[in-house]
Amino acid sequence: MNELGPWVQEFWADYGFLLIEGTGATIWMVLASTLLAHLIGLPIGVLVVVTDRGLLLPIKPLHAILEGIINIGRSIPFIILMIALIPFTRLVVGTSLGVNATIVPLVIAAVPFVARLTESALKEIPAGVIESCHAMGATISQIVFRVLVPEAMPALIRGLSLTAITLVGYSAMAGAIGGGGLGDIAIRYGYHRYQTDVMFVTIILLIILVQLIQGSGNALANRVDKRRR
């Protein structure tokens, strides 16, 4: 144990700031991309449910288009999507490298994921609830925003934490092509320079980050879940 102290001090002196900076970059990428993906993906998921046949506002062509977009988006591996989006990323942020550039493909990759999770959460609500609302004269917007979304909120929150955890993995993968964050550190030092100690610490930091997201998501979902009260 006494021999470990000097190593920790030396390691912290050499790589402490780098790891803090990388952790902050990863957190920023995940937070920003999760928020933007939900701003886009949630309405798409709601529309998929609303336009489904036999429900609120069945529009078969629109439903088919949305389903196709979601399925195509979820079929493309992230690393390939990130490379394919390099011209678009440069157009949006002026560069294809770094933390802010990585947010663009992260959002595009996460939107279909969020939309599908939203659809699944809303479809868990029994059809009888919708029928009762119709019988009482509720409008479509009232049914969606006052009934379906509040009832599905625990599942939506769990979906949000699942999306954030997925994006932690995607952000680490983005380090392979200059995405920044902990993934970039792990690849530069662990793979190219064979410094396994740095790579091991980045793995520990990623595990801690995922556990914090999962724990916070579960706690918040349980708090808003009416069935647990």
Protein backbone atom coordinates (compact mmCIF):
# COMPACT_ATOMS: atom_id res chain seq x y z
CA MET A 1 0.00 0.00 0.00
CA ASN A 2 2.90 2.34 0.81
CA GLU A 3 4.37 1.63 -2.62
CA LEU A 4 1.11 2.65 -4.28
CA GLY A 5 1.15 6.19 -2.86
CA PRO A 6 4.14 7.51 -4.87
CA TRP A 7 2.76 5.94 -8.05
CA VAL A 8 -0.62 7.63 -7.54
CA GLN A 9 1.03 10.98 -6.92
CA GLU A 10 3.23 10.65 -9.99
CA PHE A 11 0.34 9.45 -12.14
CA TRP A 12 -1.88 12.31 -10.97
CA ALA A 13 0.88 14.85 -11.63
CA ASP A 14 1.36 13.54 -15.17
CA TYR A 15 -2.21 12.80 -16.21
CA GLY A 16 -4.56 14.32 -13.65
CA PHE A 17 -5.43 17.46 -15.61
CA LEU A 18 -5.73 15.47 -18.84
CA LEU A 19 -8.21 13.03 -17.29
CA ILE A 20 -10.25 15.81 -15.65
CA GLU A 21 -10.42 17.63 -18.96
CA GLY A 22 -11.39 14.42 -20.78
CA THR A 23 -14.09 13.60 -18.24
CA GLY A 24 -15.54 17.09 -18.58
CA ALA A 25 -15.52 16.79 -22.37
CA THR A 26 -17.32 13.44 -22.22
CA ILE A 27 -19.94 14.78 -19.82
CA TRP A 28 -20.53 17.80 -22.07
CA MET A 29 -20.89 15.63 -25.18
CA VAL A 30 -23.33 13.28 -23.47
CA LEU A 31 -25.44 16.03 -21.86
CA ALA A 32 -25.69 18.16 -25.00
CA SER A 33 -26.39 15.29 -27.37
CA THR A 34 -28.93 13.68 -25.00
CA LEU A 35 -30.85 16.95 -24.66
CA LEU A 36 -30.84 17.71 -28.39
CA ALA A 37 -31.73 14.13 -29.31
CA HIS A 38 -34.76 14.24 -27.01
CA LEU A 39 -35.89 17.59 -28.36
CA ILE A 40 -36.04 15.98 -31.81
CA GLY A 41 -36.73 12.34 -30.99
CA LEU A 42 -39.58 12.77 -28.51
CA PRO A 43 -41.92 14.52 -30.97
CA ILE A 44 -41.10 11.90 -33.62
CA GLY A 45 -41.91 9.10 -31.18
CA VAL A 46 -45.19 10.77 -30.24
CA LEU A 47 -46.10 11.18 -33.92
CA VAL A 48 -45.38 7.51 -34.59
CA VAL A 49 -47.89 6.56 -31.88
CA VAL A 50 -50.49 9.17 -32.83
CA THR A 51 -50.45 8.26 -36.54
CA ASP A 52 -50.61 4.51 -35.95
CA ARG A 53 -53.73 2.80 -37.24
CA GLY A 54 -56.68 2.56 -34.89
CA LEU A 55 -55.35 5.09 -32.43
CA LEU A 56 -55.63 8.86 -32.25
CA LEU A 57 -55.02 10.21 -35.76
CA PRO A 58 -54.22 7.34 -38.14
CA ILE A 59 -52.22 8.61 -41.13
CA LYS A 60 -50.73 5.55 -42.78
CA PRO A 61 -48.27 7.29 -45.20
CA LEU A 62 -46.80 9.53 -42.49
CA HIS A 63 -46.57 6.61 -40.06
CA ALA A 64 -44.75 4.52 -42.67
CA ILE A 65 -42.28 7.33 -43.41
CA LEU A 66 -41.49 7.87 -39.73
CA GLU A 67 -41.08 4.13 -39.16
CA GLY A 68 -38.72 3.94 -42.14
CA ILE A 69 -36.59 6.85 -40.89
CA ILE A 70 -36.29 5.31 -37.43
CA ASN A 71 -35.42 1.86 -38.78
CA ILE A 72 -32.81 3.20 -41.20
CA GLY A 73 -31.25 5.42 -38.53
CA ARG A 74 -30.95 2.53 -36.09
CA SER A 75 -29.42 0.25 -38.72
CA ILE A 76 -26.25 2.28 -39.31
CA PRO A 77 -23.30 1.55 -36.98
CA PHE A 78 -22.20 4.72 -35.20
CA ILE A 79 -18.58 4.69 -36.38
CA ILE A 80 -19.76 4.46 -40.03
CA LEU A 81 -22.40 7.13 -39.46
CA MET A 82 -19.83 9.46 -37.92
CA ILE A 83 -17.53 9.13 -40.94
CA ALA A 84 -20.39 9.54 -43.41
CA LEU A 85 -21.51 12.73 -41.65
CA ILE A 86 -18.09 14.42 -41.78
CA PRO A 87 -19.12 16.86 -44.57
CA PHE A 88 -22.35 17.72 -42.74
CA THR A 89 -20.50 18.11 -39.43
CA ARG A 90 -18.03 20.51 -41.05
CA LEU A 91 -20.94 22.48 -42.47
CA VAL A 92 -22.60 22.78 -39.04
CA VAL A 93 -19.64 23.45 -36.71
CA GLY A 94 -16.78 24.22 -39.13
CA THR A 95 -14.71 21.13 -38.27
CA SER A 96 -15.04 17.37 -38.04
CA LEU A 97 -12.68 16.99 -35.08
CA GLY A 98 -13.11 17.71 -31.39
CA VAL A 99 -15.85 17.66 -28.81
CA ASN A 100 -18.38 19.99 -30.43
CA ALA A 101 -18.03 18.25 -33.78
CA THR A 102 -18.76 14.89 -32.15
CA ILE A 103 -22.08 16.16 -30.79
CA VAL A 104 -23.52 16.37 -34.32
CA PRO A 105 -23.30 12.64 -35.18
CA LEU A 106 -24.16 11.73 -31.58
CA VAL A 107 -27.46 13.59 -31.88
CA ILE A 108 -28.27 12.10 -35.28
CA ALA A 109 -27.46 8.60 -34.03
CA ALA A 110 -29.55 9.04 -30.87
CA VAL A 111 -32.70 10.54 -32.41
CA PRO A 112 -34.05 7.22 -33.84
CA PHE A 113 -33.17 5.52 -30.56
CA VAL A 114 -35.09 8.12 -28.55
CA ALA A 115 -38.04 7.97 -30.95
CA ARG A 116 -38.31 4.20 -30.61
CA LEU A 117 -38.03 4.32 -26.81
CA THR A 118 -40.72 7.01 -26.73
CA GLU A 119 -42.99 4.93 -28.93
CA SER A 120 -42.52 1.87 -26.70
CA ALA A 121 -43.20 3.89 -23.54
CA LEU A 122 -46.40 5.42 -24.89
CA LYS A 123 -47.70 2.12 -26.26
CA GLU A 124 -47.49 0.61 -22.78
CA ILE A 125 -50.50 2.75 -21.81
CA PRO A 126 -53.66 0.59 -22.06
CA ALA A 127 -55.91 1.35 -25.04
CA GLY A 128 -58.82 1.67 -22.62
CA VAL A 129 -57.32 4.87 -21.25
CA ILE A 130 -57.44 6.47 -24.70
CA GLU A 131 -60.98 5.25 -25.26
CA SER A 132 -62.10 6.74 -21.94
CA CYS A 133 -60.56 10.09 -22.84
CA HIS A 134 -62.32 10.06 -26.22
CA ALA A 135 -65.61 9.30 -24.50
CA MET A 136 -65.14 12.35 -22.27
CA GLY A 137 -64.54 14.58 -25.28
CA ALA A 138 -60.79 15.13 -24.88
CA THR A 139 -58.86 16.43 -27.88
CA ILE A 140 -55.82 14.68 -29.34
CA SER A 141 -53.41 17.17 -27.78
CA GLN A 142 -55.09 16.79 -24.38
CA ILE A 143 -54.86 13.00 -24.58
CA VAL A 144 -51.18 13.13 -25.55
CA PHE A 145 -49.91 15.81 -23.16
CA ARG A 146 -52.24 15.33 -20.20
CA VAL A 147 -52.66 11.56 -20.25
CA LEU A 148 -50.17 9.58 -22.32
CA VAL A 149 -46.98 11.53 -21.58
CA PRO A 150 -47.60 11.86 -17.79
CA GLU A 151 -48.54 8.18 -17.54
CA ALA A 152 -45.45 7.14 -19.49
CA MET A 153 -43.10 9.50 -17.64
CA PRO A 154 -41.28 6.79 -15.58
CA ALA A 155 -40.55 4.82 -18.76
CA LEU A 156 -39.52 8.00 -20.59
CA ILE A 157 -37.07 8.88 -17.81
CA ARG A 158 -35.58 5.39 -17.88
CA GLY A 159 -35.30 5.75 -21.63
CA LEU A 160 -33.47 9.04 -21.17
CA SER A 161 -30.90 7.41 -18.87
CA LEU A 162 -30.53 4.51 -21.32
CA THR A 163 -29.92 6.98 -24.14
CA ALA A 164 -27.31 8.84 -22.10
CA ILE A 165 -25.51 5.58 -21.27
CA THR A 166 -25.54 4.58 -24.94
CA LEU A 167 -24.08 7.96 -25.85
CA VAL A 168 -21.29 7.49 -23.30
CA GLY A 169 -20.26 4.43 -25.31
CA TYR A 170 -20.66 6.26 -28.62
CA SER A 171 -18.61 9.22 -27.37
CA ALA A 172 -15.80 6.84 -26.37
CA MET A 173 -15.98 5.22 -29.81
CA ALA A 174 -15.71 8.65 -31.40
CA GLY A 175 -12.23 8.96 -29.87
CA ALA A 176 -11.00 6.62 -32.62
CA ILE A 177 -11.30 9.46 -35.16
CA GLY A 178 -10.46 12.49 -33.03
CA GLY A 179 -13.72 12.93 -31.17
CA GLY A 180 -12.14 14.01 -27.89
CA GLY A 181 -13.11 13.03 -24.36
CA LEU A 182 -12.14 9.92 -22.44
CA GLY A 183 -12.34 7.70 -25.51
CA ASP A 184 -9.72 9.79 -27.26
CA ILE A 185 -7.44 9.57 -24.21
CA ALA A 186 -7.85 5.79 -23.97
CA ILE A 187 -7.00 5.30 -27.65
CA ARG A 188 -4.10 7.75 -27.76
CA TYR A 189 -2.40 6.54 -24.60
CA GLY A 190 -3.65 2.98 -24.22
CA TYR A 191 -3.57 1.85 -27.84
CA HIS A 192 -0.98 4.00 -29.61
CA ARG A 193 1.45 4.42 -26.70
CA TYR A 194 0.77 1.14 -24.85
CA GLN A 195 0.19 2.98 -21.54
CA THR A 196 -2.29 0.55 -20.04
CA ASP A 197 -2.45 2.43 -16.73
CA VAL A 198 -3.98 5.48 -18.44
CA MET A 199 -6.42 3.29 -20.38
CA PHE A 200 -7.40 1.44 -17.20
CA VAL A 201 -8.17 4.70 -15.38
CA THR A 202 -10.29 5.97 -18.30
CA ILE A 203 -12.28 2.72 -18.17
CA ILE A 204 -12.87 3.21 -14.45
CA LEU A 205 -14.04 6.79 -15.06
CA LEU A 206 -16.44 5.65 -17.78
CA ILE A 207 -17.86 2.95 -15.49
CA ILE A 208 -18.39 5.51 -12.71
CA LEU A 209 -20.10 7.88 -15.15
CA VAL A 210 -22.45 5.15 -16.38
CA GLN A 211 -23.30 4.10 -12.82
CA LEU A 212 -24.11 7.70 -11.87
CA ILE A 213 -26.40 8.10 -14.88
CA GLN A 214 -28.16 4.79 -14.25
CA GLY A 215 -28.61 5.43 -10.54
CA SER A 216 -29.92 8.95 -11.06
CA GLY A 217 -32.31 7.81 -13.79
CA ASN A 218 -33.71 4.97 -11.68
CA ALA A 219 -34.15 7.22 -8.65
CA LEU A 220 -35.98 9.90 -10.65
CA ALA A 221 -38.17 7.35 -12.45
CA ASN A 222 -39.16 5.73 -9.14
CA ARG A 223 -39.96 9.12 -7.69
CA VAL A 224 -42.45 10.02 -10.44
CA ASP A 225 -43.91 6.51 -10.71
CA LYS A 226 -47.42 6.69 -9.25
CA ARG A 227 -47.54 2.91 -8.86
CA ARG A 228 -44.78 3.07 -6.23
CA ARG A 229 -46.57 5.61 -4.05
